[in-house]
Amino acid sequence: MSSRIAAVSLALAAVLSLSACANTIRGAGRDIGNTVTGTKGAVNDVARR
C-alpha cells in the first residue's frame, strides 16, 4: 500500500513539474515574439528617417 502511495505521489510530482516547464517555454516563446516585433518596429522607424 505504501509503495502505491509513493508511486502516485511521484507521478503527481512529475506532472506538476512538466506543466511548469510548459508554462516557462510558452512564456519564453512570447518574449521572443515580442522582441522580434519590437526589432521590426525599430527597423521601420530608422528606415523612415
Protein backbone atom coordinates (compact mmCIF):
# COMPACT_ATOMS: atom_id res chain seq x y z
CA MET A 1 0.00 0.00 0.00
CA SER A 2 2.76 2.47 0.87
CA SER A 3 4.58 1.75 -2.39
CA ARG A 4 1.39 2.60 -4.27
CA ILE A 5 1.11 5.93 -2.43
CA ALA A 6 4.76 6.64 -3.25
CA ALA A 7 4.18 5.85 -6.93
CA VAL A 8 1.12 8.10 -7.11
CA SER A 9 3.00 10.89 -5.32
CA LEU A 10 5.91 10.56 -7.74
CA ALA A 11 3.59 10.63 -10.74
CA LEU A 12 1.84 13.74 -9.40
CA ALA A 13 5.17 15.48 -8.83
CA ALA A 14 6.25 14.62 -12.39
CA VAL A 15 3.03 16.02 -13.87
CA LEU A 16 3.37 19.25 -11.90
CA SER A 17 6.99 19.63 -12.96
CA LEU A 18 6.17 19.10 -16.63
CA SER A 19 3.31 21.60 -16.53
CA ALA A 20 5.63 24.20 -15.01
CA CYS A 21 8.13 23.61 -17.82
CA ALA A 22 5.41 24.04 -20.44
CA ASN A 23 4.41 27.39 -18.97
CA THR A 24 8.04 28.54 -18.94
CA ILE A 25 8.59 27.52 -22.57
CA ARG A 26 5.33 29.23 -23.61
CA GLY A 27 6.40 32.42 -21.83
CA ALA A 28 9.82 32.34 -23.49
CA GLY A 29 8.15 31.98 -26.88
CA ARG A 30 6.02 35.05 -26.19
CA ASP A 31 9.07 37.03 -25.07
CA ILE A 32 10.96 36.10 -28.23
CA GLY A 33 7.95 37.05 -30.35
CA ASN A 34 7.72 40.43 -28.62
CA THR A 35 11.43 41.00 -29.20
CA VAL A 36 11.05 40.28 -32.92
CA THR A 37 8.06 42.65 -33.13
CA GLY A 38 9.98 45.38 -31.31
CA THR A 39 13.00 44.95 -33.55
CA LYS A 40 10.84 45.18 -36.67
CA GLY A 41 9.29 48.39 -35.34
CA ALA A 42 12.72 49.90 -34.67
CA VAL A 43 13.94 48.97 -38.15
CA ASN A 44 10.86 50.56 -39.71
CA ASP A 45 11.39 53.75 -37.68
CA VAL A 46 15.01 54.01 -38.82
CA ALA A 47 14.06 53.28 -42.45
CA ARG A 48 11.52 56.15 -42.43
CA ARG A 49 14.15 58.70 -41.42
